[in-house]
Amino acid sequence: MKRLFLTLALILSCLSVMAADIVPISNAFKGGDATLLSGAMDKEVDMALPGSSKKCSAKDAISMLETFFGKNKPTGFTVVHHADKKDTGFFVGKLPTASGEFRVNITYRAEGDKAIIQSIRIE
């Protein structure tokens, strides 16, 4: 009986620690397609791109990324580090482009199993 309770407790704790899915965000960066992020943006997003930094609406954030991807065509994207903490998380990635490699930092909040982007920093 004790084993049954311990097993159930272990299963329930594993289910409650499920991380938000960052794969759609990663795929959007890999393909250089900012429009794929439209459903993953928060109402306001802190954006920091080379030469520009501001807090803006989701629509403006996507527009900024489209401009960035237009000038720097991605050739891939690799997640280097990823961490979740309760309802928030972040990840760091390498973005190789035709014009050089960039470091990408993204913070998000979890909404169910979906990651909602709160900030993007590309350096």
C-alpha atoms as a PDB file:
ATOM      1  CA  MET A   1       0.000   0.000   0.000  1.00  0.00           C
ATOM      2  CA  LYS A   2       2.820   2.347   0.866  1.00  0.00           C
ATOM      3  CA  ARG A   3       4.458   1.637  -2.500  1.00  0.00           C
ATOM      4  CA  LEU A   4       1.232   2.437  -4.316  1.00  0.00           C
ATOM      5  CA  PHE A   5       0.987   5.856  -2.660  1.00  0.00           C
ATOM      6  CA  LEU A   6       4.646   6.608  -3.351  1.00  0.00           C
ATOM      7  CA  THR A   7       4.245   5.592  -6.993  1.00  0.00           C
ATOM      8  CA  LEU A   8       1.146   7.758  -7.406  1.00  0.00           C
ATOM      9  CA  ALA A   9       2.869  10.704  -5.727  1.00  0.00           C
ATOM     10  CA  LEU A  10       5.854  10.324  -8.053  1.00  0.00           C
ATOM     11  CA  ILE A  11       3.658  10.170 -11.154  1.00  0.00           C
ATOM     12  CA  LEU A  12       1.630  13.211 -10.102  1.00  0.00           C
ATOM     13  CA  SER A  13       4.742  15.239  -9.312  1.00  0.00           C
ATOM     14  CA  CYS A  14       6.224  14.414 -12.721  1.00  0.00           C
ATOM     15  CA  LEU A  15       3.030  15.484 -14.466  1.00  0.00           C
ATOM     16  CA  SER A  16       2.881  18.797 -12.622  1.00  0.00           C
ATOM     17  CA  VAL A  17       6.460  19.689 -13.617  1.00  0.00           C
ATOM     18  CA  MET A  18       5.866  19.517 -17.373  1.00  0.00           C
ATOM     19  CA  ALA A  19       7.667  22.327 -19.148  1.00  0.00           C
ATOM     20  CA  ALA A  20       6.220  24.738 -21.679  1.00  0.00           C
ATOM     21  CA  ASP A  21       6.836  23.728 -25.285  1.00  0.00           C
ATOM     22  CA  ILE A  22       9.509  25.932 -26.881  1.00  0.00           C
ATOM     23  CA  VAL A  23       9.781  23.893 -30.097  1.00  0.00           C
ATOM     24  CA  PRO A  24       7.464  26.198 -32.128  1.00  0.00           C
ATOM     25  CA  ILE A  25       9.556  29.226 -31.121  1.00  0.00           C
ATOM     26  CA  SER A  26      12.777  27.423 -31.948  1.00  0.00           C
ATOM     27  CA  ASN A  27      11.400  26.359 -35.349  1.00  0.00           C
ATOM     28  CA  ALA A  28      10.327  29.934 -36.145  1.00  0.00           C
ATOM     29  CA  PHE A  29      13.868  31.183 -35.469  1.00  0.00           C
ATOM     30  CA  LYS A  30      15.412  28.292 -37.406  1.00  0.00           C
ATOM     31  CA  GLY A  31      13.293  29.118 -40.461  1.00  0.00           C
ATOM     32  CA  GLY A  32      13.491  32.883 -40.036  1.00  0.00           C
ATOM     33  CA  ASP A  33       9.681  33.118 -40.022  1.00  0.00           C
ATOM     34  CA  ALA A  34       8.497  35.713 -37.505  1.00  0.00           C
ATOM     35  CA  THR A  35       4.823  35.239 -38.436  1.00  0.00           C
ATOM     36  CA  LEU A  36       4.940  31.780 -36.816  1.00  0.00           C
ATOM     37  CA  LEU A  37       5.437  33.580 -33.499  1.00  0.00           C
ATOM     38  CA  SER A  38       2.195  35.582 -33.681  1.00  0.00           C
ATOM     39  CA  GLY A  39       0.380  33.165 -31.353  1.00  0.00           C
ATOM     40  CA  ALA A  40       3.329  32.931 -28.967  1.00  0.00           C
ATOM     41  CA  MET A  41       3.799  36.639 -28.186  1.00  0.00           C
ATOM     42  CA  ASP A  42       2.565  38.316 -25.016  1.00  0.00           C
ATOM     43  CA  LYS A  43       0.545  41.547 -25.336  1.00  0.00           C
ATOM     44  CA  GLU A  44       3.728  43.536 -24.697  1.00  0.00           C
ATOM     45  CA  VAL A  45       7.202  42.254 -25.469  1.00  0.00           C
ATOM     46  CA  ASP A  46      10.605  43.658 -24.474  1.00  0.00           C
ATOM     47  CA  MET A  47      12.652  43.643 -27.678  1.00  0.00           C
ATOM     48  CA  ALA A  48      16.406  44.182 -27.904  1.00  0.00           C
ATOM     49  CA  LEU A  49      17.896  43.788 -31.366  1.00  0.00           C
ATOM     50  CA  PRO A  50      21.226  45.128 -32.655  1.00  0.00           C
ATOM     51  CA  GLY A  51      20.717  48.892 -32.861  1.00  0.00           C
ATOM     52  CA  SER A  52      17.225  48.911 -31.335  1.00  0.00           C
ATOM     53  CA  SER A  53      15.665  48.275 -27.928  1.00  0.00           C
ATOM     54  CA  LYS A  54      12.086  48.943 -26.803  1.00  0.00           C
ATOM     55  CA  LYS A  55       8.955  47.573 -25.192  1.00  0.00           C
ATOM     56  CA  CYS A  56       6.349  47.081 -27.894  1.00  0.00           C
ATOM     57  CA  SER A  57       3.137  45.322 -28.869  1.00  0.00           C
ATOM     58  CA  ALA A  58       3.176  41.766 -30.204  1.00  0.00           C
ATOM     59  CA  LYS A  59       2.489  43.079 -33.712  1.00  0.00           C
ATOM     60  CA  ASP A  60       5.444  45.497 -33.550  1.00  0.00           C
ATOM     61  CA  ALA A  61       7.697  42.752 -32.140  1.00  0.00           C
ATOM     62  CA  ILE A  62       6.877  40.506 -35.091  1.00  0.00           C
ATOM     63  CA  SER A  63       7.535  43.385 -37.476  1.00  0.00           C
ATOM     64  CA  MET A  64      10.935  44.020 -35.851  1.00  0.00           C
ATOM     65  CA  LEU A  65      11.834  40.330 -36.169  1.00  0.00           C
ATOM     66  CA  GLU A  66      10.725  40.256 -39.823  1.00  0.00           C
ATOM     67  CA  THR A  67      13.058  43.176 -40.520  1.00  0.00           C
ATOM     68  CA  PHE A  68      15.888  41.465 -38.626  1.00  0.00           C
ATOM     69  CA  PHE A  69      15.359  38.158 -40.489  1.00  0.00           C
ATOM     70  CA  GLY A  70      15.234  40.064 -43.786  1.00  0.00           C
ATOM     71  CA  LYS A  71      18.713  41.463 -43.129  1.00  0.00           C
ATOM     72  CA  ASN A  72      20.085  38.326 -41.451  1.00  0.00           C
ATOM     73  CA  LYS A  73      18.774  35.143 -43.109  1.00  0.00           C
ATOM     74  CA  PRO A  74      18.973  32.295 -40.533  1.00  0.00           C
ATOM     75  CA  THR A  75      20.757  29.106 -41.523  1.00  0.00           C
ATOM     76  CA  GLY A  76      19.732  27.238 -38.358  1.00  0.00           C
ATOM     77  CA  PHE A  77      19.006  27.626 -34.658  1.00  0.00           C
ATOM     78  CA  THR A  78      20.282  25.666 -31.665  1.00  0.00           C
ATOM     79  CA  VAL A  79      19.036  25.873 -28.075  1.00  0.00           C
ATOM     80  CA  VAL A  80      22.126  26.055 -25.863  1.00  0.00           C
ATOM     81  CA  HIS A  81      20.444  26.410 -22.459  1.00  0.00           C
ATOM     82  CA  HIS A  82      16.852  26.071 -21.265  1.00  0.00           C
ATOM     83  CA  ALA A  83      15.400  26.455 -17.769  1.00  0.00           C
ATOM     84  CA  ASP A  84      11.874  26.489 -16.355  1.00  0.00           C
ATOM     85  CA  LYS A  85      10.766  27.737 -12.959  1.00  0.00           C
ATOM     86  CA  LYS A  86       7.097  27.233 -12.086  1.00  0.00           C
ATOM     87  CA  ASP A  87       5.166  29.408 -14.546  1.00  0.00           C
ATOM     88  CA  THR A  88       8.134  31.089 -16.254  1.00  0.00           C
ATOM     89  CA  GLY A  89      11.222  30.101 -18.160  1.00  0.00           C
ATOM     90  CA  PHE A  90      13.966  31.200 -20.490  1.00  0.00           C
ATOM     91  CA  PHE A  91      16.229  29.792 -23.102  1.00  0.00           C
ATOM     92  CA  VAL A  92      19.419  30.826 -24.839  1.00  0.00           C
ATOM     93  CA  GLY A  93      20.153  29.903 -28.418  1.00  0.00           C
ATOM     94  CA  LYS A  94      22.701  30.317 -31.185  1.00  0.00           C
ATOM     95  CA  LEU A  95      21.360  31.782 -34.416  1.00  0.00           C
ATOM     96  CA  PRO A  96      23.768  31.339 -37.326  1.00  0.00           C
ATOM     97  CA  THR A  97      22.893  33.624 -40.242  1.00  0.00           C
ATOM     98  CA  ALA A  98      24.347  34.534 -43.608  1.00  0.00           C
ATOM     99  CA  SER A  99      25.833  37.658 -41.984  1.00  0.00           C
ATOM    100  CA  GLY A 100      27.230  36.082 -38.791  1.00  0.00           C
ATOM    101  CA  GLU A 101      26.176  34.289 -35.614  1.00  0.00           C
ATOM    102  CA  PHE A 102      23.893  35.840 -33.003  1.00  0.00           C
ATOM    103  CA  ARG A 103      23.060  34.899 -29.425  1.00  0.00           C
ATOM    104  CA  VAL A 104      19.316  34.841 -28.680  1.00  0.00           C
ATOM    105  CA  ASN A 105      17.845  35.128 -25.152  1.00  0.00           C
ATOM    106  CA  ILE A 106      14.105  34.580 -24.755  1.00  0.00           C
ATOM    107  CA  THR A 107      12.062  34.758 -21.557  1.00  0.00           C
ATOM    108  CA  TYR A 108       8.507  33.473 -21.435  1.00  0.00           C
ATOM    109  CA  ARG A 109       5.625  32.620 -19.175  1.00  0.00           C
ATOM    110  CA  ALA A 110       3.904  29.271 -19.366  1.00  0.00           C
ATOM    111  CA  GLU A 111       0.248  29.144 -20.285  1.00  0.00           C
ATOM    112  CA  GLY A 112      -0.568  25.477 -19.957  1.00  0.00           C
ATOM    113  CA  ASP A 113       2.055  23.760 -22.113  1.00  0.00           C
ATOM    114  CA  LYS A 114       2.456  26.828 -24.342  1.00  0.00           C
ATOM    115  CA  ALA A 115       5.313  29.345 -23.997  1.00  0.00           C
ATOM    116  CA  ILE A 116       4.215  33.004 -24.245  1.00  0.00           C
ATOM    117  CA  ILE A 117       7.181  35.226 -25.119  1.00  0.00           C
ATOM    118  CA  GLN A 118       7.800  38.173 -22.793  1.00  0.00           C
ATOM    119  CA  SER A 119      11.197  39.290 -24.036  1.00  0.00           C
ATOM    120  CA  ILE A 120      13.602  38.677 -26.914  1.00  0.00           C
ATOM    121  CA  ARG A 121      17.224  39.820 -26.912  1.00  0.00           C
ATOM    122  CA  ILE A 122      19.393  39.208 -29.955  1.00  0.00           C
ATOM    123  CA  GLU A 123      23.089  40.079 -29.664  1.00  0.00           C
END
